[in-house]
């Protein structure tokens, strides 16, 4: 009787453990699917305020031009007014290139966030760029912010976080 009870218990335990094991069908051994989608912003060397400007983005998936539709939008904002954003939809061109047209109201430092959706992947790279001739104060603020980010990311091993 005890042997039958032990066999039944072991059988139930095997069923429970089999039902709880992770089902990893792709990706790395820990179940993480690597990001293969890439977006490279193509901006003119010089952007003048009040002129129509073409903004481009080159999209690749695993190094190749995607063969299925990709949705791309661009959010643009002036560094001094981050709450005021303009959203543009980029239209497809050839060889994985997408383009949108924008007109910038004033000189300054701007940011562009490109939102790329393709095959259940989404990436949102952000890039800083200059329009016209920003003030020295505005350039200095961004240069100091960039240097601070660089210094903070170096670390000396003594930086700690409490969790």
C-alpha atoms as a PDB file:
ATOM      1  CA  UNK A   1       0.000   0.000   0.000  1.00  0.00           C
ATOM      2  CA  UNK A   2       2.805   2.410   0.901  1.00  0.00           C
ATOM      3  CA  UNK A   3       4.580   1.607  -2.375  1.00  0.00           C
ATOM      4  CA  UNK A   4       1.437   2.452  -4.375  1.00  0.00           C
ATOM      5  CA  UNK A   5       1.022   5.718  -2.452  1.00  0.00           C
ATOM      6  CA  UNK A   6       4.693   6.596  -3.007  1.00  0.00           C
ATOM      7  CA  UNK A   7       4.429   5.860  -6.758  1.00  0.00           C
ATOM      8  CA  UNK A   8       1.266   7.954  -7.032  1.00  0.00           C
ATOM      9  CA  UNK A   9       2.924  10.835  -5.162  1.00  0.00           C
ATOM     10  CA  UNK A  10       6.015  10.712  -7.393  1.00  0.00           C
ATOM     11  CA  UNK A  11       3.825  10.642 -10.521  1.00  0.00           C
ATOM     12  CA  UNK A  12       1.867  13.717  -9.331  1.00  0.00           C
ATOM     13  CA  UNK A  13       5.096  15.533  -8.486  1.00  0.00           C
ATOM     14  CA  UNK A  14       6.489  14.855 -11.981  1.00  0.00           C
ATOM     15  CA  UNK A  15       3.268  16.181 -13.557  1.00  0.00           C
ATOM     16  CA  UNK A  16       3.380  19.353 -11.466  1.00  0.00           C
ATOM     17  CA  UNK A  17       7.059  19.992 -12.223  1.00  0.00           C
ATOM     18  CA  UNK A  18       6.560  19.360 -15.945  1.00  0.00           C
ATOM     19  CA  UNK A  19       3.683  21.842 -16.015  1.00  0.00           C
ATOM     20  CA  UNK A  20       5.749  24.517 -14.274  1.00  0.00           C
ATOM     21  CA  UNK A  21       8.846  24.351 -16.435  1.00  0.00           C
ATOM     22  CA  UNK A  22       9.474  27.366 -18.647  1.00  0.00           C
ATOM     23  CA  UNK A  23       8.737  26.996 -22.349  1.00  0.00           C
ATOM     24  CA  UNK A  24      11.638  28.689 -24.095  1.00  0.00           C
ATOM     25  CA  UNK A  25      11.317  28.374 -27.825  1.00  0.00           C
ATOM     26  CA  UNK A  26      13.692  31.080 -29.036  1.00  0.00           C
ATOM     27  CA  UNK A  27      16.153  33.656 -27.863  1.00  0.00           C
ATOM     28  CA  UNK A  28      18.924  33.116 -25.378  1.00  0.00           C
ATOM     29  CA  UNK A  29      18.904  30.344 -22.737  1.00  0.00           C
ATOM     30  CA  UNK A  30      17.353  32.768 -20.248  1.00  0.00           C
ATOM     31  CA  UNK A  31      14.467  33.519 -22.641  1.00  0.00           C
ATOM     32  CA  UNK A  32      15.589  37.010 -23.681  1.00  0.00           C
ATOM     33  CA  UNK A  33      15.058  37.704 -27.357  1.00  0.00           C
ATOM     34  CA  UNK A  34      17.912  39.844 -28.700  1.00  0.00           C
ATOM     35  CA  UNK A  35      17.052  43.237 -30.197  1.00  0.00           C
ATOM     36  CA  UNK A  36      17.771  43.097 -33.940  1.00  0.00           C
ATOM     37  CA  UNK A  37      16.002  46.283 -35.024  1.00  0.00           C
ATOM     38  CA  UNK A  38      18.221  49.333 -35.641  1.00  0.00           C
ATOM     39  CA  UNK A  39      17.434  52.921 -36.667  1.00  0.00           C
ATOM     40  CA  UNK A  40      20.013  55.448 -37.851  1.00  0.00           C
ATOM     41  CA  UNK A  41      18.923  59.076 -38.026  1.00  0.00           C
ATOM     42  CA  UNK A  42      19.970  60.908 -41.175  1.00  0.00           C
ATOM     43  CA  UNK A  43      19.936  64.666 -40.520  1.00  0.00           C
ATOM     44  CA  UNK A  44      21.361  67.457 -42.686  1.00  0.00           C
ATOM     45  CA  UNK A  45      24.715  68.899 -41.625  1.00  0.00           C
ATOM     46  CA  UNK A  46      23.081  72.301 -41.333  1.00  0.00           C
ATOM     47  CA  UNK A  47      19.477  73.040 -40.409  1.00  0.00           C
ATOM     48  CA  UNK A  48      18.195  76.602 -40.693  1.00  0.00           C
ATOM     49  CA  UNK A  49      15.092  77.843 -38.900  1.00  0.00           C
ATOM     50  CA  UNK A  50      11.930  78.569 -40.898  1.00  0.00           C
ATOM     51  CA  UNK A  51      12.963  76.346 -43.823  1.00  0.00           C
ATOM     52  CA  UNK A  52      11.434  72.978 -44.745  1.00  0.00           C
ATOM     53  CA  UNK A  53      13.954  70.313 -43.744  1.00  0.00           C
ATOM     54  CA  UNK A  54      13.995  66.647 -44.718  1.00  0.00           C
ATOM     55  CA  UNK A  55      14.639  64.259 -41.817  1.00  0.00           C
ATOM     56  CA  UNK A  56      15.500  60.661 -42.584  1.00  0.00           C
ATOM     57  CA  UNK A  57      15.876  57.384 -40.789  1.00  0.00           C
ATOM     58  CA  UNK A  58      17.482  54.192 -42.106  1.00  0.00           C
ATOM     59  CA  UNK A  59      15.915  51.043 -40.635  1.00  0.00           C
ATOM     60  CA  UNK A  60      17.508  47.602 -40.573  1.00  0.00           C
ATOM     61  CA  UNK A  61      16.446  44.374 -38.916  1.00  0.00           C
ATOM     62  CA  UNK A  62      19.281  41.963 -38.259  1.00  0.00           C
ATOM     63  CA  UNK A  63      21.411  43.997 -40.686  1.00  0.00           C
ATOM     64  CA  UNK A  64      18.934  43.717 -43.568  1.00  0.00           C
ATOM     65  CA  UNK A  65      16.301  46.066 -44.953  1.00  0.00           C
ATOM     66  CA  UNK A  66      12.915  44.929 -43.568  1.00  0.00           C
ATOM     67  CA  UNK A  67      10.686  43.309 -46.193  1.00  0.00           C
ATOM     68  CA  UNK A  68       7.468  43.913 -44.258  1.00  0.00           C
ATOM     69  CA  UNK A  69       5.877  47.256 -43.366  1.00  0.00           C
ATOM     70  CA  UNK A  70       7.481  49.332 -40.632  1.00  0.00           C
ATOM     71  CA  UNK A  71       5.718  52.120 -38.720  1.00  0.00           C
ATOM     72  CA  UNK A  72       7.851  55.153 -37.953  1.00  0.00           C
ATOM     73  CA  UNK A  73       7.022  58.384 -36.183  1.00  0.00           C
ATOM     74  CA  UNK A  74       9.282  61.198 -35.017  1.00  0.00           C
ATOM     75  CA  UNK A  75       8.754  63.374 -31.948  1.00  0.00           C
ATOM     76  CA  UNK A  76      10.640  66.664 -32.003  1.00  0.00           C
ATOM     77  CA  UNK A  77      11.015  69.225 -29.233  1.00  0.00           C
ATOM     78  CA  UNK A  78      13.123  72.284 -28.419  1.00  0.00           C
ATOM     79  CA  UNK A  79      15.381  71.776 -25.418  1.00  0.00           C
ATOM     80  CA  UNK A  80      13.853  74.763 -23.629  1.00  0.00           C
ATOM     81  CA  UNK A  81      10.256  73.520 -24.177  1.00  0.00           C
ATOM     82  CA  UNK A  82      10.269  69.740 -23.682  1.00  0.00           C
ATOM     83  CA  UNK A  83       6.523  69.706 -22.995  1.00  0.00           C
ATOM     84  CA  UNK A  84       5.776  71.086 -26.514  1.00  0.00           C
ATOM     85  CA  UNK A  85       6.338  68.236 -28.964  1.00  0.00           C
ATOM     86  CA  UNK A  86       5.618  67.897 -32.662  1.00  0.00           C
ATOM     87  CA  UNK A  87       4.898  64.410 -33.983  1.00  0.00           C
ATOM     88  CA  UNK A  88       5.567  63.523 -37.611  1.00  0.00           C
ATOM     89  CA  UNK A  89       4.808  60.311 -39.488  1.00  0.00           C
ATOM     90  CA  UNK A  90       7.652  59.178 -41.722  1.00  0.00           C
ATOM     91  CA  UNK A  91       6.849  57.810 -45.150  1.00  0.00           C
ATOM     92  CA  UNK A  92       8.759  54.929 -46.745  1.00  0.00           C
ATOM     93  CA  UNK A  93      11.299  55.559 -49.480  1.00  0.00           C
ATOM     94  CA  UNK A  94      13.763  53.103 -50.980  1.00  0.00           C
ATOM     95  CA  UNK A  95      16.193  50.678 -49.308  1.00  0.00           C
ATOM     96  CA  UNK A  96      14.861  50.945 -45.747  1.00  0.00           C
ATOM     97  CA  UNK A  97      14.841  54.757 -45.758  1.00  0.00           C
ATOM     98  CA  UNK A  98      11.935  56.706 -44.277  1.00  0.00           C
ATOM     99  CA  UNK A  99      11.494  60.467 -44.463  1.00  0.00           C
ATOM    100  CA  UNK A 100       9.498  63.276 -42.921  1.00  0.00           C
ATOM    101  CA  UNK A 101       9.625  67.038 -43.391  1.00  0.00           C
ATOM    102  CA  UNK A 102       9.783  69.592 -40.576  1.00  0.00           C
ATOM    103  CA  UNK A 103      10.096  73.345 -40.163  1.00  0.00           C
ATOM    104  CA  UNK A 104      11.761  74.674 -37.016  1.00  0.00           C
ATOM    105  CA  UNK A 105      10.496  77.967 -35.582  1.00  0.00           C
ATOM    106  CA  UNK A 106      13.698  79.166 -33.949  1.00  0.00           C
ATOM    107  CA  UNK A 107      17.392  78.598 -33.425  1.00  0.00           C
ATOM    108  CA  UNK A 108      18.411  76.245 -30.649  1.00  0.00           C
ATOM    109  CA  UNK A 109      19.151  72.748 -29.458  1.00  0.00           C
ATOM    110  CA  UNK A 110      16.455  70.225 -30.359  1.00  0.00           C
ATOM    111  CA  UNK A 111      15.801  66.567 -29.662  1.00  0.00           C
ATOM    112  CA  UNK A 112      14.266  63.982 -31.944  1.00  0.00           C
ATOM    113  CA  UNK A 113      12.883  60.648 -30.741  1.00  0.00           C
ATOM    114  CA  UNK A 114      12.312  58.184 -33.542  1.00  0.00           C
ATOM    115  CA  UNK A 115       9.715  55.530 -32.692  1.00  0.00           C
ATOM    116  CA  UNK A 116      10.173  52.464 -34.895  1.00  0.00           C
ATOM    117  CA  UNK A 117       7.725  49.525 -34.760  1.00  0.00           C
ATOM    118  CA  UNK A 118       8.494  46.396 -36.786  1.00  0.00           C
ATOM    119  CA  UNK A 119       7.694  42.692 -36.240  1.00  0.00           C
ATOM    120  CA  UNK A 120       6.704  43.098 -32.574  1.00  0.00           C
ATOM    121  CA  UNK A 121       9.850  45.114 -31.826  1.00  0.00           C
ATOM    122  CA  UNK A 122       9.838  48.767 -30.807  1.00  0.00           C
ATOM    123  CA  UNK A 123      12.857  51.023 -30.472  1.00  0.00           C
ATOM    124  CA  UNK A 124      12.898  54.712 -29.544  1.00  0.00           C
ATOM    125  CA  UNK A 125      16.352  56.228 -30.045  1.00  0.00           C
ATOM    126  CA  UNK A 126      16.794  59.908 -29.143  1.00  0.00           C
ATOM    127  CA  UNK A 127      19.242  62.250 -30.812  1.00  0.00           C
ATOM    128  CA  UNK A 128      20.193  65.861 -30.053  1.00  0.00           C
ATOM    129  CA  UNK A 129      20.793  68.300 -32.938  1.00  0.00           C
ATOM    130  CA  UNK A 130      21.241  72.010 -33.580  1.00  0.00           C
ATOM    131  CA  UNK A 131      19.068  74.355 -35.612  1.00  0.00           C
ATOM    132  CA  UNK A 132      20.579  77.655 -36.721  1.00  0.00           C
ATOM    133  CA  UNK A 133      22.732  79.417 -34.147  1.00  0.00           C
ATOM    134  CA  UNK A 134      21.760  78.674 -30.537  1.00  0.00           C
ATOM    135  CA  UNK A 135      22.816  81.055 -27.809  1.00  0.00           C
ATOM    136  CA  UNK A 136      26.100  80.446 -26.028  1.00  0.00           C
ATOM    137  CA  UNK A 137      24.165  79.869 -22.780  1.00  0.00           C
ATOM    138  CA  UNK A 138      22.012  77.137 -24.366  1.00  0.00           C
ATOM    139  CA  UNK A 139      25.043  75.421 -25.910  1.00  0.00           C
ATOM    140  CA  UNK A 140      26.893  75.625 -22.599  1.00  0.00           C
ATOM    141  CA  UNK A 141      23.971  74.012 -20.716  1.00  0.00           C
ATOM    142  CA  UNK A 142      23.918  71.081 -23.116  1.00  0.00           C
ATOM    143  CA  UNK A 143      27.666  70.696 -23.190  1.00  0.00           C
ATOM    144  CA  UNK A 144      27.739  70.647 -19.364  1.00  0.00           C
ATOM    145  CA  UNK A 145      24.848  68.142 -19.289  1.00  0.00           C
ATOM    146  CA  UNK A 146      26.634  65.887 -21.775  1.00  0.00           C
ATOM    147  CA  UNK A 147      29.897  66.056 -19.790  1.00  0.00           C
ATOM    148  CA  UNK A 148      28.008  65.283 -16.572  1.00  0.00           C
ATOM    149  CA  UNK A 149      26.368  62.224 -18.200  1.00  0.00           C
ATOM    150  CA  UNK A 150      29.794  61.062 -19.388  1.00  0.00           C
ATOM    151  CA  UNK A 151      31.342  61.550 -15.928  1.00  0.00           C
ATOM    152  CA  UNK A 152      28.435  59.810 -14.183  1.00  0.00           C
ATOM    153  CA  UNK A 153      28.596  56.833 -16.542  1.00  0.00           C
ATOM    154  CA  UNK A 154      32.351  56.291 -15.995  1.00  0.00           C
ATOM    155  CA  UNK A 155      32.090  55.419 -12.325  1.00  0.00           C
ATOM    156  CA  UNK A 156      35.023  54.729 -10.055  1.00  0.00           C
ATOM    157  CA  UNK A 157      33.664  51.653  -8.383  1.00  0.00           C
ATOM    158  CA  UNK A 158      32.678  53.597  -5.251  1.00  0.00           C
ATOM    159  CA  UNK A 159      29.198  54.543  -6.477  1.00  0.00           C
ATOM    160  CA  UNK A 160      26.521  52.449  -4.769  1.00  0.00           C
ATOM    161  CA  UNK A 161      22.760  52.105  -4.899  1.00  0.00           C
ATOM    162  CA  UNK A 162      20.554  50.957  -2.029  1.00  0.00           C
ATOM    163  CA  UNK A 163      17.951  48.433  -3.114  1.00  0.00           C
END
